[in-house]
């Protein structure tokens, strides 16, 4: 699990408002999704970080920028899928993460520092939303199908240490 150091926020996941669209099955979202417009991706993430950092105290800003940038990990490929009672997601070749489909705010794992992480799994007609929370904050990961072979991945990091949420979206195409 990603995390912001210094207690700013832990990279965990929260619920975002979703619009409804065409009915999508698990099979539609399952599989490998490749990043689109990779050339402009870093600029999008830098802008998201700067939007949050500019509202911080001048002295904190210099410390916060590198910490926030660490949270804006670029996944060249997402692999999504379901196994029996679990939803699984994987960024590039990182370790596969999974969450019980029945997760509704229950602690389901601990991070590398032993901090409890609770999670909520939500499935809509066109998206999967994971909600992970710890004492450090929230992270919302939303994988939303926006076309036959298009996926919009949106992240929202929230913490009492941040003046505003850190939010960004990236587009993916099915492999």
Protein backbone atom coordinates (compact mmCIF):
# COMPACT_ATOMS: atom_id res chain seq x y z
CA UNK A 1 0.00 0.00 0.00
CA UNK A 2 1.35 3.44 -0.87
CA UNK A 3 1.65 5.96 1.95
CA UNK A 4 2.63 9.53 2.55
CA UNK A 5 5.42 9.77 5.08
CA UNK A 6 5.41 12.11 8.06
CA UNK A 7 1.83 11.17 8.87
CA UNK A 8 0.48 13.28 5.99
CA UNK A 9 -1.73 10.48 4.63
CA UNK A 10 -1.65 6.79 3.84
CA UNK A 11 -2.32 5.62 0.33
CA UNK A 12 -5.60 3.92 0.89
CA UNK A 13 -8.90 4.02 -0.88
CA UNK A 14 -12.30 5.86 -0.49
CA UNK A 15 -15.67 6.12 -2.29
CA UNK A 16 -16.27 8.70 -5.03
CA UNK A 17 -19.52 9.65 -6.73
CA UNK A 18 -20.02 7.54 -9.83
CA UNK A 19 -22.26 8.23 -12.76
CA UNK A 20 -24.15 5.31 -14.17
CA UNK A 21 -23.58 4.11 -17.69
CA UNK A 22 -23.89 1.00 -19.75
CA UNK A 23 -24.07 -2.23 -17.81
CA UNK A 24 -20.58 -3.68 -17.46
CA UNK A 25 -19.90 -7.17 -16.20
CA UNK A 26 -16.87 -8.35 -14.25
CA UNK A 27 -15.61 -9.78 -17.54
CA UNK A 28 -15.61 -6.29 -19.08
CA UNK A 29 -13.33 -4.85 -16.38
CA UNK A 30 -11.24 -7.99 -15.86
CA UNK A 31 -7.95 -8.16 -17.71
CA UNK A 32 -5.00 -5.97 -18.55
CA UNK A 33 -5.37 -2.25 -19.14
CA UNK A 34 -2.54 -0.18 -20.70
CA UNK A 35 -1.88 3.50 -19.98
CA UNK A 36 -2.81 5.96 -22.75
CA UNK A 37 -1.20 9.36 -23.40
CA UNK A 38 1.85 8.40 -21.35
CA UNK A 39 3.67 11.53 -22.55
CA UNK A 40 1.34 13.88 -20.65
CA UNK A 41 0.87 11.67 -17.59
CA UNK A 42 3.69 13.10 -15.49
CA UNK A 43 2.45 16.63 -16.20
CA UNK A 44 -1.05 15.70 -14.96
CA UNK A 45 0.37 14.24 -11.76
CA UNK A 46 2.72 17.18 -11.16
CA UNK A 47 -0.22 19.56 -11.59
CA UNK A 48 -2.30 17.58 -9.07
CA UNK A 49 0.54 17.72 -6.53
CA UNK A 50 1.11 21.43 -7.09
CA UNK A 51 -2.62 22.20 -6.65
CA UNK A 52 -2.44 20.71 -3.13
CA UNK A 53 1.06 21.98 -2.24
CA UNK A 54 0.33 25.60 -3.16
CA UNK A 55 -2.27 25.78 -0.38
CA UNK A 56 0.22 24.66 2.26
CA UNK A 57 2.37 26.79 4.53
CA UNK A 58 5.55 27.92 2.74
CA UNK A 59 7.84 25.96 5.06
CA UNK A 60 5.79 22.75 4.81
CA UNK A 61 5.43 23.02 1.02
CA UNK A 62 9.05 22.09 0.27
CA UNK A 63 8.77 19.01 2.47
CA UNK A 64 5.33 18.02 1.21
CA UNK A 65 5.99 18.09 -2.55
CA UNK A 66 8.32 15.04 -2.67
CA UNK A 67 6.05 13.14 -0.27
CA UNK A 68 2.98 13.88 -2.39
CA UNK A 69 4.85 13.02 -5.61
CA UNK A 70 5.67 9.61 -4.14
CA UNK A 71 1.91 8.97 -3.90
CA UNK A 72 1.29 9.72 -7.56
CA UNK A 73 2.63 6.43 -8.81
CA UNK A 74 2.17 5.88 -12.53
CA UNK A 75 0.96 2.41 -13.44
CA UNK A 76 1.76 1.60 -17.06
CA UNK A 77 -0.56 -1.40 -16.76
CA UNK A 78 -3.40 -2.37 -14.43
CA UNK A 79 -4.45 -6.00 -14.14
CA UNK A 80 -7.92 -6.41 -12.64
CA UNK A 81 -9.80 -9.58 -11.79
CA UNK A 82 -12.01 -11.57 -9.45
CA UNK A 83 -11.17 -14.80 -7.61
CA UNK A 84 -14.02 -16.52 -5.74
CA UNK A 85 -14.68 -14.02 -2.93
CA UNK A 86 -11.93 -11.49 -3.75
CA UNK A 87 -11.31 -8.55 -6.07
CA UNK A 88 -7.68 -8.37 -7.17
CA UNK A 89 -5.70 -5.50 -8.66
CA UNK A 90 -2.08 -5.19 -9.70
CA UNK A 91 -0.02 -2.19 -10.81
CA UNK A 92 2.63 -3.26 -13.33
CA UNK A 93 4.69 -6.07 -11.77
CA UNK A 94 4.02 -5.11 -8.14
CA UNK A 95 2.55 -7.62 -5.72
CA UNK A 96 -1.12 -8.40 -6.35
CA UNK A 97 -3.46 -6.75 -3.85
CA UNK A 98 -6.85 -8.22 -3.01
CA UNK A 99 -9.93 -7.29 -1.03
CA UNK A 100 -12.91 -9.43 -0.02
CA UNK A 101 -16.02 -8.67 -2.07
CA UNK A 102 -17.95 -8.51 1.21
CA UNK A 103 -15.61 -5.86 2.70
CA UNK A 104 -17.69 -3.08 4.24
CA UNK A 105 -15.27 -1.08 6.37
CA UNK A 106 -13.75 -4.05 8.20
CA UNK A 107 -10.03 -4.31 8.88
CA UNK A 108 -8.71 -6.72 6.27
CA UNK A 109 -4.94 -6.22 6.40
CA UNK A 110 -2.06 -4.34 7.97
CA UNK A 111 0.49 -2.21 6.17
CA UNK A 112 4.23 -2.78 6.43
CA UNK A 113 4.31 -0.79 9.69
CA UNK A 114 1.54 -2.84 11.31
CA UNK A 115 -1.16 -0.19 10.93
CA UNK A 116 -4.67 -1.60 10.42
CA UNK A 117 -6.29 -0.93 7.06
CA UNK A 118 -10.02 -1.22 6.67
CA UNK A 119 -11.63 -1.55 3.31
CA UNK A 120 -14.88 -1.37 1.43
CA UNK A 121 -15.52 -2.95 -1.94
CA UNK A 122 -18.19 -1.37 -4.13
CA UNK A 123 -19.30 -2.49 -7.58
CA UNK A 124 -21.54 -0.33 -9.75
CA UNK A 125 -22.82 -0.97 -13.25
CA UNK A 126 -19.64 0.45 -14.78
CA UNK A 127 -16.98 0.67 -12.07
CA UNK A 128 -15.18 -0.83 -9.11
CA UNK A 129 -14.48 1.46 -6.17
CA UNK A 130 -12.19 0.41 -3.36
CA UNK A 131 -12.27 2.22 -0.05
CA UNK A 132 -9.25 1.76 2.18
CA UNK A 133 -8.79 3.75 5.37
CA UNK A 134 -6.33 3.87 8.23
CA UNK A 135 -5.51 6.31 10.99
CA UNK A 136 -3.45 8.21 8.41
CA UNK A 137 -6.21 8.93 5.91
CA UNK A 138 -8.11 7.65 2.88
CA UNK A 139 -7.39 6.73 -0.68
CA UNK A 140 -10.07 6.26 -3.32
CA UNK A 141 -9.22 4.11 -6.30
CA UNK A 142 -11.93 3.98 -8.93
CA UNK A 143 -11.64 1.92 -12.09
CA UNK A 144 -14.50 3.11 -14.30
CA UNK A 145 -15.29 1.74 -17.74
CA UNK A 146 -16.04 4.71 -20.00
CA UNK A 147 -16.17 2.90 -23.34
CA UNK A 148 -15.95 -0.57 -24.86
CA UNK A 149 -12.20 -0.77 -24.30
CA UNK A 150 -11.60 2.38 -22.24
CA UNK A 151 -11.00 2.69 -18.52
CA UNK A 152 -10.64 5.82 -16.40
CA UNK A 153 -8.59 5.27 -13.24
CA UNK A 154 -9.16 7.97 -10.62
CA UNK A 155 -7.41 8.39 -7.30
CA UNK A 156 -8.41 10.66 -4.43
CA UNK A 157 -6.17 10.93 -1.36
CA UNK A 158 -7.65 12.58 1.73
CA UNK A 159 -6.07 13.40 5.07
CA UNK A 160 -6.55 15.94 7.81
CA UNK A 161 -2.92 16.91 7.04
CA UNK A 162 -3.82 17.96 3.47
CA UNK A 163 -5.56 21.31 2.80
CA UNK A 164 -7.49 19.73 -0.09
CA UNK A 165 -7.68 16.18 -1.46
CA UNK A 166 -4.99 15.09 -3.90
CA UNK A 167 -6.86 13.85 -6.99
CA UNK A 168 -5.86 12.68 -10.46
CA UNK A 169 -7.21 10.55 -13.31
CA UNK A 170 -5.49 8.53 -16.03
CA UNK A 171 -6.90 6.80 -19.12
CA UNK A 172 -6.29 3.16 -20.04
CA UNK A 173 -7.16 0.90 -23.00
CA UNK A 174 -7.80 -2.82 -22.80
CA UNK A 175 -4.89 -4.95 -24.00
